């Protein structure tokens, strides 16, 4: 056998050992959850058995949330190389757990998002089966999505699952179908808004900084403003979405606090750049370095807010089951015991560490190429879009917003690259018959000029070479020839398809699981 075959076998064996290790750690967490639910809670009889089963599924669900959903918070920072994979996982795990435990709240709705009518399922046993089926179906769908490399909304997964199991138990009348309409709308609203905001910020950065002849001077003017807006946005986002369960603040107050922090940040960054401008050189790479540290803070704050909000996707149904089993009746609100919150928090961190890198690479590398400026634009979209949409009453998904931002900056790059290539082709067409040195000299000066200078050079060129006017057909031919594709289409179609089928797939799975449980109990 050749040496290269031995090498392939060793690599395959190493991958197998890693998979077994990840699976083993995940199983240890689920078994630990089972043991605590069985011994720590101390509930006996059928109710105790259901609680143990639900706790295990809740832990499994939490790990799948960590594996799939957290990638949206740190993927752009990793893709832009502002954070290493290890650093991103450590930061995200710490802040996800902190967000869940500090700001996850002590009360959560037992009917996730008001998706089913509790009066339609008054029997406590059936309600427990509904929540158990929903947890398992949501977790399974997230697991499948992670395996195929498709980031999906965990909120949509659990909402679809609760809806499916609820309809299976209580009929069509049990579902609140207006909520489903809002979810369908969010498939379009969320990515479009996220993409537009991210593309808008990136275009601003390019026009205000990288398209200028003196990028260092332009950065001194613009970067402090950008950082001030970032501080204001993230402070407002954190207050409204990350701390809202432990610190109730109205929108105006949150914006005022955010604006104050934004002004302070603007002043500090402006003073810092004035002192250290001599360290920068007139290059895009040097300007990109200014956005590295802000991306670290963005990843941390987005992870904190995600932990505070999305831990409910794992422990909301589990809290409902716990409350129903302990009190023997279905209630609209359920207090969340600390051990239930810990299952959600720790499970998200473990799932992120074990299986998160796959989706982080998908978001950060496999859709479009990212640098710190592009990743900064995506982070801004993730915070600003949620704030704007929530005040306008638009249904949005933070997962869809973040990925929409990635696609937005990618398509903007495609448009800019294609337009620039077409412009160069037109310049060459206007120089037909000229010496090669003359054309190269013009292109060299054109490349160095800022946006205003480029426009002036083009206008002057067209005025002096009117005879080289291109027809509509010639322009279309140039456009086709110089079209750039900087967004991976296969990733776009795969993710879009996963988004569309998430709610119906998780609903169908939950209904099937509910009928299985019902059949087993009544066999």
Protein backbone atom coordinates (compact mmCIF):
# COMPACT_ATOMS: atom_id res chain seq x y z
CA UNK A 1 0.00 0.00 0.00
CA UNK A 2 1.34 3.44 -0.94
CA UNK A 3 2.22 6.05 1.68
CA UNK A 4 -0.45 8.45 0.46
CA UNK A 5 -3.09 5.76 1.07
CA UNK A 6 -1.86 5.39 4.66
CA UNK A 7 -2.14 9.16 5.01
CA UNK A 8 -5.73 9.13 3.77
CA UNK A 9 -6.61 6.33 6.19
CA UNK A 10 -5.05 8.25 9.10
CA UNK A 11 -6.98 11.38 8.21
CA UNK A 12 -10.23 9.44 8.00
CA UNK A 13 -9.52 7.79 11.36
CA UNK A 14 -8.78 11.17 12.93
CA UNK A 15 -12.06 12.59 11.63
CA UNK A 16 -13.91 9.55 13.00
CA UNK A 17 -12.30 9.99 16.43
CA UNK A 18 -13.29 13.66 16.47
CA UNK A 19 -16.87 12.81 15.53
CA UNK A 20 -17.04 10.16 18.25
CA UNK A 21 -15.60 12.62 20.78
CA UNK A 22 -18.17 15.28 19.87
CA UNK A 23 -20.98 12.77 20.03
CA UNK A 24 -19.72 11.48 23.37
CA UNK A 25 -19.59 14.95 24.94
CA UNK A 26 -23.08 15.72 23.65
CA UNK A 27 -24.42 12.46 25.08
CA UNK A 28 -22.76 13.16 28.43
CA UNK A 29 -24.58 16.48 28.63
CA UNK A 30 -27.94 14.90 27.76
CA UNK A 31 -27.37 12.06 30.26
CA UNK A 32 -26.35 14.59 32.93
CA UNK A 33 -29.56 16.50 32.25
CA UNK A 34 -31.53 13.29 32.59
CA UNK A 35 -29.90 12.38 35.91
CA UNK A 36 -30.51 15.82 37.39
CA UNK A 37 -34.14 15.89 36.24
CA UNK A 38 -34.67 12.42 37.73
CA UNK A 39 -32.88 12.94 41.05
CA UNK A 40 -32.74 16.70 41.55
CA UNK A 41 -36.41 17.44 40.93
CA UNK A 42 -37.47 14.20 42.60
CA UNK A 43 -40.84 13.86 40.87
CA UNK A 44 -42.22 10.31 40.75
CA UNK A 45 -44.69 8.50 38.51
CA UNK A 46 -45.66 9.18 34.88
CA UNK A 47 -45.25 12.93 35.36
CA UNK A 48 -41.70 12.45 36.55
CA UNK A 49 -40.89 10.27 33.54
CA UNK A 50 -42.29 12.88 31.14
CA UNK A 51 -40.27 15.60 32.87
CA UNK A 52 -37.06 13.59 32.51
CA UNK A 53 -37.75 12.94 28.82
CA UNK A 54 -38.58 16.62 28.25
CA UNK A 55 -35.40 17.74 30.03
CA UNK A 56 -33.28 15.49 27.80
CA UNK A 57 -34.98 16.82 24.67
CA UNK A 58 -34.61 20.39 25.95
CA UNK A 59 -30.88 19.86 26.36
CA UNK A 60 -30.71 18.40 22.85
CA UNK A 61 -32.63 21.39 21.51
CA UNK A 62 -30.29 23.84 23.26
CA UNK A 63 -27.23 22.18 21.72
CA UNK A 64 -28.78 22.44 18.27
CA UNK A 65 -29.49 26.14 18.80
CA UNK A 66 -25.82 26.64 19.68
CA UNK A 67 -24.71 24.63 16.66
CA UNK A 68 -26.91 26.45 14.15
CA UNK A 69 -28.04 29.91 15.25
CA UNK A 70 -24.99 31.40 16.97
CA UNK A 71 -23.01 31.34 13.70
CA UNK A 72 -24.88 34.44 12.55
CA UNK A 73 -23.42 36.48 15.41
CA UNK A 74 -19.76 35.55 14.96
CA UNK A 75 -19.53 34.21 11.38
CA UNK A 76 -18.83 37.59 9.73
CA UNK A 77 -16.12 38.42 12.28
CA UNK A 78 -14.44 35.04 11.64
CA UNK A 79 -14.81 35.38 7.88
CA UNK A 80 -13.15 38.80 7.96
CA UNK A 81 -10.35 37.39 10.16
CA UNK A 82 -11.10 39.89 12.93
CA UNK A 83 -11.55 36.82 15.16
CA UNK A 84 -10.10 33.34 15.00
CA UNK A 85 -12.47 30.39 15.10
CA UNK A 86 -11.35 29.51 18.64
CA UNK A 87 -11.64 33.10 19.83
CA UNK A 88 -15.10 33.44 18.32
CA UNK A 89 -16.33 30.25 19.98
CA UNK A 90 -14.95 31.28 23.39
CA UNK A 91 -16.44 34.80 23.19
CA UNK A 92 -19.78 33.58 21.88
CA UNK A 93 -20.05 30.82 24.48
CA UNK A 94 -19.29 33.19 27.38
CA UNK A 95 -21.71 35.87 26.25
CA UNK A 96 -24.45 33.44 25.21
CA UNK A 97 -24.41 31.90 28.70
CA UNK A 98 -24.22 35.35 30.33
CA UNK A 99 -27.14 36.61 28.27
CA UNK A 100 -29.24 33.55 29.08
CA UNK A 101 -28.56 33.60 32.82
CA UNK A 102 -28.46 37.37 33.43
CA UNK A 103 -31.12 38.60 31.06
CA UNK A 104 -33.02 35.48 30.02
CA UNK A 105 -35.86 36.43 32.35
CA UNK A 106 -37.60 34.47 35.06
CA UNK A 107 -40.95 34.15 33.29
CA UNK A 108 -41.58 32.92 29.77
CA UNK A 109 -44.73 32.31 27.77
CA UNK A 110 -45.72 28.66 27.81
CA UNK A 111 -47.29 29.01 24.36
CA UNK A 112 -44.32 30.07 22.23
CA UNK A 113 -45.15 33.38 20.53
CA UNK A 114 -48.91 32.88 21.09
CA UNK A 115 -48.88 30.34 18.27
CA UNK A 116 -51.66 28.10 19.66
CA UNK A 117 -54.72 28.70 21.82
CA UNK A 118 -54.26 27.00 25.23
CA UNK A 119 -58.01 26.66 25.69
CA UNK A 120 -58.09 24.29 22.72
CA UNK A 121 -55.81 21.87 24.61
CA UNK A 122 -57.13 22.03 28.16
CA UNK A 123 -56.07 18.50 29.07
CA UNK A 124 -52.73 18.77 30.88
CA UNK A 125 -51.42 15.43 29.61
CA UNK A 126 -52.09 16.35 25.99
CA UNK A 127 -50.47 19.73 26.53
CA UNK A 128 -47.31 18.03 27.84
CA UNK A 129 -47.27 15.75 24.78
CA UNK A 130 -47.67 18.78 22.50
CA UNK A 131 -44.72 20.60 24.07
CA UNK A 132 -42.58 17.45 24.08
CA UNK A 133 -43.31 16.77 20.41
CA UNK A 134 -42.59 20.40 19.56
CA UNK A 135 -39.24 20.36 21.36
CA UNK A 136 -38.12 17.16 19.67
CA UNK A 137 -39.29 18.21 16.20
CA UNK A 138 -37.66 21.64 16.47
CA UNK A 139 -34.40 20.07 17.61
CA UNK A 140 -34.44 17.45 14.85
CA UNK A 141 -35.04 20.07 12.16
CA UNK A 142 -32.18 22.21 13.48
CA UNK A 143 -29.95 19.13 13.52
CA UNK A 144 -30.81 18.35 9.89
CA UNK A 145 -30.24 21.99 8.85
CA UNK A 146 -26.87 22.07 10.58
CA UNK A 147 -25.83 18.82 8.92
CA UNK A 148 -26.52 20.23 5.45
CA UNK A 149 -24.92 23.59 6.31
CA UNK A 150 -28.07 25.75 6.21
CA UNK A 151 -28.46 28.43 8.92
CA UNK A 152 -32.18 28.66 9.79
CA UNK A 153 -34.27 30.55 12.32
CA UNK A 154 -34.58 28.59 15.56
CA UNK A 155 -37.61 30.70 16.45
CA UNK A 156 -39.35 29.62 13.25
CA UNK A 157 -38.35 26.01 13.94
CA UNK A 158 -39.97 25.92 17.37
CA UNK A 159 -42.98 28.02 16.34
CA UNK A 160 -43.67 25.68 13.43
CA UNK A 161 -43.26 22.68 15.70
CA UNK A 162 -45.63 24.05 18.37
CA UNK A 163 -48.15 24.89 15.66
CA UNK A 164 -47.98 21.40 14.12
CA UNK A 165 -48.28 19.55 17.42
CA UNK A 166 -50.99 21.93 18.63
CA UNK A 167 -53.12 21.42 15.53
CA UNK A 168 -52.62 17.66 15.80
CA UNK A 169 -53.90 17.77 19.39
CA UNK A 170 -56.60 20.45 19.18
CA UNK A 171 -57.57 20.70 15.53
CA UNK A 172 -57.23 23.63 13.15
CA UNK A 173 -58.95 25.93 15.63
CA UNK A 174 -55.98 25.57 17.99
CA UNK A 175 -53.66 27.44 15.64
CA UNK A 176 -53.32 31.21 15.59
CA UNK A 177 -52.93 31.62 11.85
CA UNK A 178 -52.27 35.35 11.86
CA UNK A 179 -48.91 34.55 13.47
CA UNK A 180 -48.12 32.20 10.60
CA UNK A 181 -48.81 35.01 8.15
CA UNK A 182 -46.33 37.19 10.00
CA UNK A 183 -43.71 34.47 9.82
CA UNK A 184 -44.21 34.04 6.08
CA UNK A 185 -43.85 37.82 5.66
CA UNK A 186 -40.60 37.75 7.62
CA UNK A 187 -39.07 35.42 5.01
CA UNK A 188 -39.09 38.40 2.66
CA UNK A 189 -38.91 41.38 5.04
CA UNK A 190 -35.97 40.20 7.15
CA UNK A 191 -33.35 39.38 4.49
CA UNK A 192 -34.35 42.31 2.27
CA UNK A 193 -34.10 44.85 5.10
CA UNK A 194 -30.87 43.31 6.39
CA UNK A 195 -29.36 43.27 2.91
CA UNK A 196 -30.32 46.89 2.17
CA UNK A 197 -28.99 48.22 5.47
CA UNK A 198 -25.71 46.28 5.21
CA UNK A 199 -25.20 47.30 1.57
CA UNK A 200 -26.00 50.90 2.48
CA UNK A 201 -23.34 51.01 5.18
CA UNK A 202 -20.74 49.36 2.95
CA UNK A 203 -21.46 51.79 0.13
CA UNK A 204 -21.16 54.71 2.57
CA UNK A 205 -17.77 53.41 3.76
CA UNK A 206 -16.56 53.04 0.19
CA UNK A 207 -17.76 56.48 -0.94
CA UNK A 208 -16.55 58.25 2.20
CA UNK A 209 -13.20 56.46 2.72
CA UNK A 210 -11.85 53.92 0.23
CA UNK A 211 -12.85 55.85 -2.89
CA UNK A 212 -10.95 58.93 -1.66
CA UNK A 213 -7.45 59.83 -2.76
CA UNK A 214 -6.37 60.42 0.87
CA UNK A 215 -7.96 57.48 2.70
CA UNK A 216 -6.27 58.25 6.02
CA UNK A 217 -7.73 61.77 6.20
CA UNK A 218 -11.12 60.43 5.09
CA UNK A 219 -10.98 57.74 7.78
CA UNK A 220 -10.27 60.34 10.44
CA UNK A 221 -13.49 62.10 9.48
CA UNK A 222 -15.76 59.11 8.88
CA UNK A 223 -14.65 56.27 11.19
CA UNK A 224 -15.49 58.15 14.43
CA UNK A 225 -18.99 58.80 13.07
CA UNK A 226 -19.41 55.14 12.15
CA UNK A 227 -18.21 53.99 15.56
CA UNK A 228 -20.54 56.45 17.28
CA UNK A 229 -23.49 55.12 15.29
CA UNK A 230 -22.40 51.58 16.12
CA UNK A 231 -22.19 52.32 19.86
CA UNK A 232 -25.58 54.03 19.82
CA UNK A 233 -27.20 51.21 17.82
CA UNK A 234 -25.80 48.38 19.89
CA UNK A 235 -26.56 50.09 23.19
CA UNK A 236 -30.17 50.63 22.11
CA UNK A 237 -30.38 47.07 20.73
CA UNK A 238 -28.98 45.59 23.94
CA UNK A 239 -31.36 47.57 26.15
CA UNK A 240 -34.43 46.74 24.07
CA UNK A 241 -33.63 43.17 23.08
CA UNK A 242 -30.99 41.90 25.49
CA UNK A 243 -31.97 43.38 28.84
CA UNK A 244 -35.71 43.86 28.31
CA UNK A 245 -36.64 41.00 30.62
CA UNK A 246 -34.72 42.38 33.60
CA UNK A 247 -34.73 46.12 32.84
CA UNK A 248 -37.91 47.59 31.37
CA UNK A 249 -37.11 50.75 29.43
CA UNK A 250 -39.28 52.50 26.85
CA UNK A 251 -38.02 53.07 23.31
CA UNK A 252 -37.33 56.78 23.78
CA UNK A 253 -35.23 56.25 26.90
CA UNK A 254 -33.28 53.44 25.25
CA UNK A 255 -32.54 55.66 22.24
CA UNK A 256 -31.47 58.52 24.51
CA UNK A 257 -29.05 56.29 26.41
CA UNK A 258 -27.74 54.90 23.12
CA UNK A 259 -27.28 58.40 21.69
CA UNK A 260 -25.31 59.46 24.77
CA UNK A 261 -22.98 56.48 24.48
CA UNK A 262 -22.68 57.12 20.76
CA UNK A 263 -21.50 60.71 21.29
CA UNK A 264 -18.95 59.61 23.90
CA UNK A 265 -17.67 56.91 21.52
CA UNK A 266 -17.41 59.41 18.65
CA UNK A 267 -15.31 61.77 20.77
CA UNK A 268 -13.03 58.99 22.05
CA UNK A 269 -12.45 57.44 18.61
CA UNK A 270 -11.84 60.84 17.01
CA UNK A 271 -9.21 61.70 19.63
CA UNK A 272 -7.61 58.25 19.25
CA UNK A 273 -7.33 58.56 15.46
CA UNK A 274 -5.84 62.04 15.69
CA UNK A 275 -3.09 60.71 17.96
CA UNK A 276 -2.42 57.56 15.91
CA UNK A 277 -3.08 58.62 12.31
CA UNK A 278 0.66 58.51 11.60
CA UNK A 279 0.53 54.71 12.07
CA UNK A 280 -1.86 54.32 9.14
CA UNK A 281 -0.88 54.19 5.49
CA UNK A 282 -2.97 55.08 2.48
CA UNK A 283 -4.22 51.55 1.75
CA UNK A 284 -7.44 49.62 2.10
CA UNK A 285 -5.75 47.04 4.34
CA UNK A 286 -4.71 49.76 6.78
CA UNK A 287 -8.24 51.19 6.90
CA UNK A 288 -9.65 47.70 7.40
CA UNK A 289 -7.57 47.34 10.56
CA UNK A 290 -9.66 50.08 12.19
CA UNK A 291 -12.76 47.85 12.11
CA UNK A 292 -11.23 44.76 13.75
CA UNK A 293 -11.76 45.58 17.44
CA UNK A 294 -15.31 46.91 16.93
CA UNK A 295 -16.19 43.57 15.33
CA UNK A 296 -15.09 41.74 18.47
CA UNK A 297 -17.41 43.90 20.58
CA UNK A 298 -20.20 43.40 18.04
CA UNK A 299 -19.85 39.61 18.18
CA UNK A 300 -19.92 39.68 21.99
CA UNK A 301 -22.97 41.95 22.24
CA UNK A 302 -24.92 40.09 19.55
CA UNK A 303 -24.18 36.83 21.37
CA UNK A 304 -25.36 38.30 24.69
CA UNK A 305 -28.63 39.50 23.14
CA UNK A 306 -29.09 36.16 21.37
CA UNK A 307 -28.58 34.24 24.60
CA UNK A 308 -31.08 36.48 26.38
CA UNK A 309 -33.75 36.03 23.71
CA UNK A 310 -33.32 32.66 22.04
CA UNK A 311 -32.70 30.58 25.15
CA UNK A 312 -36.51 30.64 25.39
CA UNK A 313 -36.65 28.52 22.23
CA UNK A 314 -35.03 25.70 24.19
CA UNK A 315 -36.42 26.21 27.67
CA UNK A 316 -39.83 27.80 26.90
CA UNK A 317 -41.55 24.49 26.10
CA UNK A 318 -39.52 22.74 28.82
CA UNK A 319 -40.63 25.38 31.34
CA UNK A 320 -44.22 24.85 30.21
CA UNK A 321 -43.91 21.09 30.70
CA UNK A 322 -42.29 21.52 34.11
CA UNK A 323 -45.01 23.90 35.29
CA UNK A 324 -47.82 21.71 33.96
CA UNK A 325 -46.41 18.52 35.48
CA UNK A 326 -45.79 20.14 38.87
CA UNK A 327 -49.16 21.92 39.11
CA UNK A 328 -51.35 19.56 37.10
CA UNK A 329 -52.89 22.32 34.96
CA UNK A 330 -52.10 24.38 31.88
CA UNK A 331 -51.22 28.02 32.58
CA UNK A 332 -50.45 30.88 30.21
CA UNK A 333 -47.26 31.80 32.06
CA UNK A 334 -44.66 29.56 33.64
CA UNK A 335 -41.89 30.46 36.07
CA UNK A 336 -38.56 29.13 34.88
CA UNK A 337 -36.56 27.24 37.52
CA UNK A 338 -32.82 27.92 37.57
CA UNK A 339 -31.99 24.36 36.56
CA UNK A 340 -34.14 24.71 33.41
CA UNK A 341 -32.39 27.98 32.52
CA UNK A 342 -29.00 26.31 33.08
CA UNK A 343 -29.92 23.52 30.66
CA UNK A 344 -30.62 26.10 27.97
CA UNK A 345 -27.52 28.20 28.64
CA UNK A 346 -25.01 25.36 28.96
CA UNK A 347 -26.56 23.42 26.09
CA UNK A 348 -26.18 26.38 23.71
CA UNK A 349 -22.51 26.76 24.71
CA UNK A 350 -21.78 23.03 24.27
CA UNK A 351 -23.55 22.86 20.91
CA UNK A 352 -21.63 25.91 19.71
CA UNK A 353 -18.28 24.45 20.76
CA UNK A 354 -18.95 21.00 19.29
CA UNK A 355 -20.78 21.72 16.04
CA UNK A 356 -20.81 25.50 15.61
CA UNK A 357 -17.68 25.80 13.40
CA UNK A 358 -19.48 24.22 10.41
CA UNK A 359 -22.11 26.96 10.23
CA UNK A 360 -19.63 29.69 11.23
CA UNK A 361 -17.56 28.77 8.17
CA UNK A 362 -20.70 28.77 6.03
CA UNK A 363 -21.68 32.29 7.11
CA UNK A 364 -18.14 33.67 7.20
CA UNK A 365 -16.52 32.08 4.15
CA UNK A 366 -18.82 30.14 1.86
CA UNK A 367 -21.35 32.78 0.78
CA UNK A 368 -19.09 35.68 -0.17
CA UNK A 369 -15.63 36.93 0.74
CA UNK A 370 -15.66 39.21 3.79
CA UNK A 371 -13.24 41.77 5.15
CA UNK A 372 -13.62 43.87 8.34
CA UNK A 373 -15.47 46.70 6.56
CA UNK A 374 -18.01 44.29 5.07
CA UNK A 375 -18.39 42.41 8.36
CA UNK A 376 -18.90 45.74 10.17
CA UNK A 377 -21.71 46.59 7.74
CA UNK A 378 -23.37 43.22 8.44
CA UNK A 379 -23.11 43.73 12.20
CA UNK A 380 -24.69 47.16 11.87
CA UNK A 381 -27.53 45.66 9.84
CA UNK A 382 -28.10 42.99 12.50
CA UNK A 383 -28.63 45.62 15.21
CA UNK A 384 -30.28 48.49 13.32
CA UNK A 385 -32.76 46.41 11.34
CA UNK A 386 -34.16 44.74 14.45
CA UNK A 387 -34.63 48.13 16.13
CA UNK A 388 -36.29 49.73 13.11
CA UNK A 389 -38.49 46.74 12.29
CA UNK A 390 -39.66 46.27 15.88
CA UNK A 391 -40.81 49.90 16.04
CA UNK A 392 -42.59 49.64 12.69
CA UNK A 393 -44.26 46.40 13.77
CA UNK A 394 -42.64 44.39 10.97
CA UNK A 395 -42.07 40.65 11.57
CA UNK A 396 -38.35 39.94 11.35
CA UNK A 397 -35.91 37.16 12.16
CA UNK A 398 -32.43 38.02 13.43
CA UNK A 399 -31.05 34.98 11.60
CA UNK A 400 -32.54 36.09 8.30
CA UNK A 401 -31.37 39.68 8.86
CA UNK A 402 -27.75 38.66 9.45
CA UNK A 403 -27.68 36.37 6.43
CA UNK A 404 -29.50 38.96 4.36
CA UNK A 405 -26.69 41.34 5.31
CA UNK A 406 -24.08 38.86 4.07
CA UNK A 407 -25.90 38.50 0.76
CA UNK A 408 -26.42 42.27 0.60
CA UNK A 409 -22.74 43.14 0.78
CA UNK A 410 -21.96 40.31 -1.64
CA UNK A 411 -24.39 41.55 -4.28
CA UNK A 412 -23.19 45.13 -3.81
CA UNK A 413 -19.64 43.94 -4.49
CA UNK A 414 -20.88 42.17 -7.61
CA UNK A 415 -22.55 45.35 -8.84
CA UNK A 416 -19.50 47.52 -8.14
CA UNK A 417 -17.05 45.07 -9.72
CA UNK A 418 -19.20 44.61 -12.78
CA UNK A 419 -19.75 48.36 -13.19
CA UNK A 420 -16.04 49.06 -12.82
CA UNK A 421 -15.11 46.39 -15.38
CA UNK A 422 -17.67 47.83 -17.82
CA UNK A 423 -16.22 51.31 -17.26
CA UNK A 424 -12.71 50.10 -18.07
CA UNK A 425 -13.99 48.38 -21.20
CA UNK A 426 -15.70 51.58 -22.31
CA UNK A 427 -12.53 53.59 -21.64
CA UNK A 428 -10.58 51.24 -23.87
CA UNK A 429 -13.24 51.51 -26.56
CA UNK A 430 -12.92 55.32 -26.47
CA UNK A 431 -9.14 54.92 -26.96
CA UNK A 432 -9.40 52.80 -30.07
CA UNK A 433 -6.42 53.54 -32.30
CA UNK A 434 -4.41 55.18 -29.49
CA UNK A 435 -0.98 53.96 -28.43
CA UNK A 436 -0.89 51.30 -25.74
CA UNK A 437 1.18 53.62 -23.49
CA UNK A 438 -1.49 56.34 -23.72
CA UNK A 439 -4.26 53.92 -22.72
CA UNK A 440 -2.24 52.50 -19.81
CA UNK A 441 -1.36 55.98 -18.57
CA UNK A 442 -5.03 57.01 -18.61
CA UNK A 443 -6.09 53.82 -16.81
CA UNK A 444 -3.36 54.32 -14.20
CA UNK A 445 -4.50 57.90 -13.51
CA UNK A 446 -8.13 56.76 -13.49
CA UNK A 447 -7.38 54.05 -10.93
CA UNK A 448 -5.69 56.55 -8.58
CA UNK A 449 -8.41 59.20 -8.82
CA UNK A 450 -11.20 59.51 -6.27
CA UNK A 451 -14.88 59.14 -7.19
CA UNK A 452 -15.26 62.78 -8.26
CA UNK A 453 -12.04 62.68 -10.25
CA UNK A 454 -13.08 59.50 -12.06
CA UNK A 455 -16.36 61.08 -13.08
CA UNK A 456 -14.57 64.19 -14.41
CA UNK A 457 -12.11 62.06 -16.41
CA UNK A 458 -14.93 60.02 -17.95
CA UNK A 459 -16.93 63.11 -18.88
CA UNK A 460 -13.88 64.69 -20.50
CA UNK A 461 -13.06 61.48 -22.37
CA UNK A 462 -16.60 61.11 -23.74
CA UNK A 463 -16.71 64.79 -24.76
CA UNK A 464 -13.53 64.44 -26.84
CA UNK A 465 -14.36 61.06 -28.37
CA UNK A 466 -18.00 61.36 -29.28
CA UNK A 467 -17.48 59.18 -32.33
CA UNK A 468 -16.79 56.20 -30.03
CA UNK A 469 -20.29 56.30 -28.57
CA UNK A 470 -21.43 52.76 -27.77
CA UNK A 471 -24.77 51.42 -28.94
CA UNK A 472 -27.23 49.78 -26.55
CA UNK A 473 -26.35 46.34 -27.90
CA UNK A 474 -22.62 46.99 -27.44
CA UNK A 475 -23.16 48.06 -23.84
CA UNK A 476 -25.17 44.88 -23.13
CA UNK A 477 -22.39 42.80 -24.66
CA UNK A 478 -19.82 44.50 -22.43
CA UNK A 479 -22.05 43.93 -19.39
CA UNK A 480 -22.35 40.22 -20.14
CA UNK A 481 -18.64 39.89 -20.77
CA UNK A 482 -17.58 41.59 -17.56
CA UNK A 483 -20.25 40.29 -15.19
CA UNK A 484 -18.75 39.24 -11.84
CA UNK A 485 -20.37 36.68 -9.54
CA UNK A 486 -19.06 37.16 -6.01
CA UNK A 487 -21.97 35.48 -4.20
CA UNK A 488 -22.13 31.70 -4.25
CA UNK A 489 -25.46 30.90 -5.88
CA UNK A 490 -25.65 27.36 -4.54
CA UNK A 491 -25.44 28.71 -0.97
CA UNK A 492 -28.14 31.28 -1.72
CA UNK A 493 -30.58 28.69 -3.09
CA UNK A 494 -29.85 26.16 -0.33
CA UNK A 495 -30.39 28.66 2.48
CA UNK A 496 -33.50 30.18 0.88
CA UNK A 497 -35.02 26.72 0.45
CA UNK A 498 -34.26 25.84 4.08
CA UNK A 499 -35.94 29.05 5.27
CA UNK A 500 -39.08 28.38 3.25
CA UNK A 501 -39.54 24.78 4.43
CA UNK A 502 -38.57 25.35 8.09
CA UNK A 503 -42.06 26.05 9.46
CA UNK A 504 -43.96 23.37 7.46
CA UNK A 505 -41.21 20.77 7.96
CA UNK A 506 -40.98 21.26 11.73
CA UNK A 507 -44.80 21.39 11.96
CA UNK A 508 -45.20 18.11 10.07
CA UNK A 509 -42.50 16.42 12.15
CA UNK A 510 -44.09 17.64 15.40
CA UNK A 511 -47.53 16.39 14.36
CA UNK A 512 -46.11 12.96 13.54
CA UNK A 513 -44.23 12.79 16.84
CA UNK A 514 -47.37 13.84 18.73
CA UNK A 515 -49.38 11.05 17.10
CA UNK A 516 -46.62 8.59 17.95
CA UNK A 517 -46.68 9.64 21.62
CA UNK A 518 -50.49 9.53 21.64
CA UNK A 519 -50.45 6.04 20.09
CA UNK A 520 -47.87 4.72 22.55
CA UNK A 521 -49.74 6.08 25.58
CA UNK A 522 -53.08 4.68 24.42
CA UNK A 523 -51.74 1.38 23.08
